[in-house]
Amino acid sequence: GRWEERGPIPATSLTALAVGEQGEGYAVGVGQLWRTADGGRSWSQLRGAPAPGQVSEQLGLLGERLIVSGARLMRSDDHGVTWRVQHDEPVLATDGEWVITGQTGAARVGQLSGDAVLWRGSLPQGHRPAAIAGSPEGVRVLANKEGTSRLVVFTSRDGGMTFTERRLSGVSDPAWVGLGDALWWVDVERRA
């Protein structure tokens, strides 16, 4: 495909994007949440969004459901106008359907179902999750081996109950790795 430049996002920092259908999208950075309804040509800040400290660097979008993670998992079903707590503990990663929690020990993997989180399995201890994505083929989790820059992808083909590990070679920065139907990474120039 071909890349197309859109309008600038007026955030002071940008750490995550979630893109929906028909031009809808969200961006988060430094405790600010932004929304576009026209494919990125214009952006507006969501003033009713979770307060700084509750907004992390993780966004998930599944249909009308927008998920923002941080100190807790927050959910909006009306494009970010109103919010409620979906899960009241820190969330390390989400894609809008799947979540990972856990500060110490093994990270727990759960699937959002209505207003509940259905807890499935856990990752082996010693890994720090960076991203999660579900697809018809299974659930994938990108993680750092603690104390190293080594990245691994854990894959589950049984609904998040058990995971197998695959090491990524040549990639060490989780900020530039994405998950979804395929694993990809982008090497971009960082400007200070």
Protein backbone atom coordinates (compact mmCIF):
# COMPACT_ATOMS: atom_id res chain seq x y z
CA GLY A 1 0.00 0.00 0.00
CA ARG A 2 0.84 3.66 -0.12
CA TRP A 3 1.25 6.03 2.84
CA GLU A 4 -0.78 9.22 2.85
CA GLU A 5 0.04 12.21 5.04
CA ARG A 6 -2.82 13.54 7.17
CA GLY A 7 -3.21 16.53 9.46
CA PRO A 8 -0.92 16.84 12.49
CA ILE A 9 -2.02 15.47 15.84
CA PRO A 10 -1.79 18.42 18.27
CA ALA A 11 -0.49 16.27 21.15
CA THR A 12 2.74 17.23 22.92
CA SER A 13 3.73 13.56 22.83
CA LEU A 14 2.30 10.58 20.98
CA THR A 15 2.64 7.06 22.29
CA ALA A 16 -0.26 5.03 20.87
CA LEU A 17 -2.86 5.07 18.10
CA ALA A 18 -6.09 3.09 17.71
CA VAL A 19 -7.79 3.25 14.34
CA GLY A 20 -11.37 2.19 13.71
CA GLU A 21 -13.59 2.08 10.69
CA GLN A 22 -14.93 4.98 8.63
CA GLY A 23 -12.18 7.43 9.58
CA GLU A 24 -12.45 7.15 13.36
CA GLY A 25 -9.23 7.10 15.36
CA TYR A 26 -7.72 7.89 18.74
CA ALA A 27 -4.25 8.97 19.89
CA VAL A 28 -2.81 9.08 23.41
CA GLY A 29 0.28 10.72 24.85
CA VAL A 30 1.32 12.36 28.16
CA GLY A 31 -2.09 12.02 29.77
CA GLN A 32 -3.97 13.46 26.78
CA LEU A 33 -6.45 11.61 24.59
CA TRP A 34 -7.34 12.86 21.09
CA ARG A 35 -10.03 11.77 18.59
CA THR A 36 -10.45 12.09 14.85
CA ALA A 37 -13.65 11.34 12.94
CA ASP A 38 -12.28 12.22 9.50
CA GLY A 39 -9.34 9.87 9.01
CA GLY A 40 -6.78 12.09 10.76
CA ARG A 41 -7.38 15.37 8.91
CA SER A 42 -8.48 17.07 12.15
CA TRP A 43 -8.22 16.15 15.83
CA SER A 44 -10.03 17.21 19.01
CA GLN A 45 -8.96 16.59 22.58
CA LEU A 46 -11.36 14.50 24.65
CA ARG A 47 -11.84 16.59 27.77
CA GLY A 48 -13.94 14.00 29.61
CA ALA A 49 -11.23 11.39 29.17
CA PRO A 50 -9.57 9.68 32.13
CA ALA A 51 -7.33 12.03 34.09
CA PRO A 52 -3.53 12.03 33.69
CA GLY A 53 -2.18 9.09 35.62
CA GLN A 54 -5.15 7.04 34.47
CA VAL A 55 -4.12 7.39 30.83
CA SER A 56 -1.19 5.22 29.88
CA GLU A 57 0.32 4.40 26.56
CA GLN A 58 -2.20 1.73 25.60
CA LEU A 59 -5.36 2.08 23.54
CA GLY A 60 -7.75 -0.53 22.25
CA LEU A 61 -10.70 -0.14 19.92
CA LEU A 62 -13.21 -2.86 19.15
CA GLY A 63 -16.31 -1.68 17.34
CA GLU A 64 -17.77 1.16 19.44
CA ARG A 65 -15.79 0.17 22.54
CA LEU A 66 -12.74 2.34 23.29
CA ILE A 67 -10.38 1.04 25.96
CA VAL A 68 -7.70 3.15 27.66
CA SER A 69 -5.33 1.46 30.06
CA GLY A 70 -3.11 2.76 32.79
CA ALA A 71 -3.66 2.68 36.55
CA ARG A 72 -6.93 0.94 35.67
CA LEU A 73 -8.79 -0.14 32.55
CA MET A 74 -11.26 2.55 31.44
CA ARG A 75 -14.01 1.99 28.88
CA SER A 76 -16.13 4.29 26.72
CA ASP A 77 -18.98 3.11 24.52
CA ASP A 78 -19.82 6.59 23.15
CA HIS A 79 -16.63 7.76 21.38
CA GLY A 80 -14.97 9.01 24.57
CA VAL A 81 -17.79 11.21 25.89
CA THR A 82 -18.36 9.20 29.09
CA TRP A 83 -16.12 6.66 30.86
CA ARG A 84 -16.41 3.87 33.38
CA VAL A 85 -13.96 1.54 35.06
CA GLN A 86 -13.82 -1.85 33.32
CA HIS A 87 -11.12 -3.30 35.58
CA ASP A 88 -9.64 -1.64 38.67
CA GLU A 89 -5.98 -2.66 38.55
CA PRO A 90 -3.05 -1.64 36.32
CA VAL A 91 -3.20 -2.95 32.76
CA LEU A 92 0.03 -3.48 30.85
CA ALA A 93 -1.43 -3.93 27.36
CA THR A 94 -4.77 -4.12 25.54
CA ASP A 95 -6.14 -4.30 22.02
CA GLY A 96 -9.74 -3.54 23.03
CA GLU A 97 -10.70 -7.20 23.45
CA TRP A 98 -7.69 -8.76 25.22
CA VAL A 99 -5.85 -7.40 28.28
CA ILE A 100 -2.74 -8.23 30.30
CA THR A 101 -2.34 -7.29 33.96
CA GLY A 102 0.26 -7.99 36.59
CA GLN A 103 2.97 -5.99 38.27
CA THR A 104 4.94 -8.84 39.81
CA GLY A 105 5.20 -12.48 38.88
CA ALA A 106 3.42 -13.88 35.85
CA ALA A 107 1.30 -11.52 33.76
CA ARG A 108 -2.36 -12.60 33.54
CA VAL A 109 -4.17 -12.65 30.19
CA GLY A 110 -7.88 -11.90 30.05
CA GLN A 111 -10.61 -11.36 27.47
CA LEU A 112 -13.16 -8.56 27.85
CA SER A 113 -16.71 -9.86 27.79
CA GLY A 114 -19.44 -7.30 28.41
CA ASP A 115 -18.59 -5.63 31.72
CA ALA A 116 -16.38 -8.49 32.90
CA VAL A 117 -12.85 -9.72 32.28
CA LEU A 118 -12.68 -13.47 31.71
CA TRP A 119 -9.24 -14.51 32.96
CA ARG A 120 -7.59 -17.15 30.80
CA GLY A 121 -3.92 -17.97 31.32
CA SER A 122 -0.61 -16.41 32.31
CA LEU A 123 2.71 -15.74 30.67
CA PRO A 124 5.83 -17.36 32.10
CA GLN A 125 7.50 -15.30 34.82
CA GLY A 126 10.34 -13.02 33.85
CA HIS A 127 8.65 -11.32 30.87
CA ARG A 128 7.29 -7.77 30.62
CA PRO A 129 4.38 -7.54 28.12
CA ALA A 130 4.45 -4.67 25.63
CA ALA A 131 1.49 -5.48 23.36
CA ILE A 132 -1.35 -7.98 22.88
CA ALA A 133 -3.52 -8.72 19.86
CA GLY A 134 -6.23 -11.24 19.18
CA SER A 135 -7.19 -12.56 15.75
CA PRO A 136 -9.10 -15.57 14.39
CA GLU A 137 -5.76 -17.45 14.40
CA GLY A 138 -5.16 -16.88 18.11
CA VAL A 139 -3.78 -14.44 20.67
CA ARG A 140 -0.28 -12.96 20.41
CA VAL A 141 1.69 -11.18 23.13
CA LEU A 142 4.87 -9.23 22.54
CA ALA A 143 7.12 -9.18 25.61
CA ASN A 144 10.60 -8.24 26.75
CA LYS A 145 12.67 -10.78 28.62
CA GLU A 146 13.25 -8.91 31.91
CA GLY A 147 16.75 -7.55 32.32
CA THR A 148 17.50 -7.83 28.59
CA SER A 149 16.51 -6.21 25.32
CA ARG A 150 15.42 -9.62 23.99
CA LEU A 151 11.91 -9.62 22.49
CA VAL A 152 9.70 -12.68 22.29
CA VAL A 153 6.24 -13.34 20.93
CA PHE A 154 3.97 -15.66 22.87
CA THR A 155 1.21 -17.27 20.81
CA SER A 156 -1.93 -18.99 22.07
CA ARG A 157 -4.16 -21.09 19.85
CA ASP A 158 -6.52 -22.14 22.68
CA GLY A 159 -8.17 -18.85 23.63
CA GLY A 160 -5.37 -17.50 25.82
CA MET A 161 -5.09 -20.53 28.12
CA THR A 162 -1.55 -21.60 27.17
CA PHE A 163 1.24 -19.84 25.26
CA THR A 164 4.25 -20.93 23.21
CA GLU A 165 7.31 -18.68 22.91
CA ARG A 166 9.09 -17.55 19.76
CA ARG A 167 12.17 -15.36 19.93
CA LEU A 168 12.46 -12.39 17.58
CA SER A 169 15.89 -11.84 16.12
CA GLY A 170 17.16 -8.45 15.04
CA VAL A 171 14.45 -6.48 16.88
CA SER A 172 14.94 -5.01 20.35
CA ASP A 173 12.66 -1.96 20.69
CA PRO A 174 9.02 -2.81 21.51
CA ALA A 175 7.95 0.75 20.63
CA TRP A 176 8.47 -0.10 16.98
CA VAL A 177 6.82 -3.51 16.89
CA GLY A 178 3.14 -4.13 16.16
CA LEU A 179 0.89 -7.13 16.45
CA GLY A 180 -2.26 -8.06 14.62
CA ASP A 181 -2.83 -10.47 11.78
CA ALA A 182 0.93 -10.33 11.21
CA LEU A 183 4.01 -9.27 13.10
CA TRP A 184 5.69 -6.12 11.74
CA TRP A 185 8.03 -3.39 12.77
CA VAL A 186 8.83 0.06 11.47
CA ASP A 187 12.21 1.76 11.62
CA VAL A 188 11.62 5.49 11.76
CA GLU A 189 13.84 8.46 12.37
CA ARG A 190 13.37 9.83 15.88
CA ARG A 191 13.68 13.59 16.17
CA ALA A 192 14.33 15.38 19.44
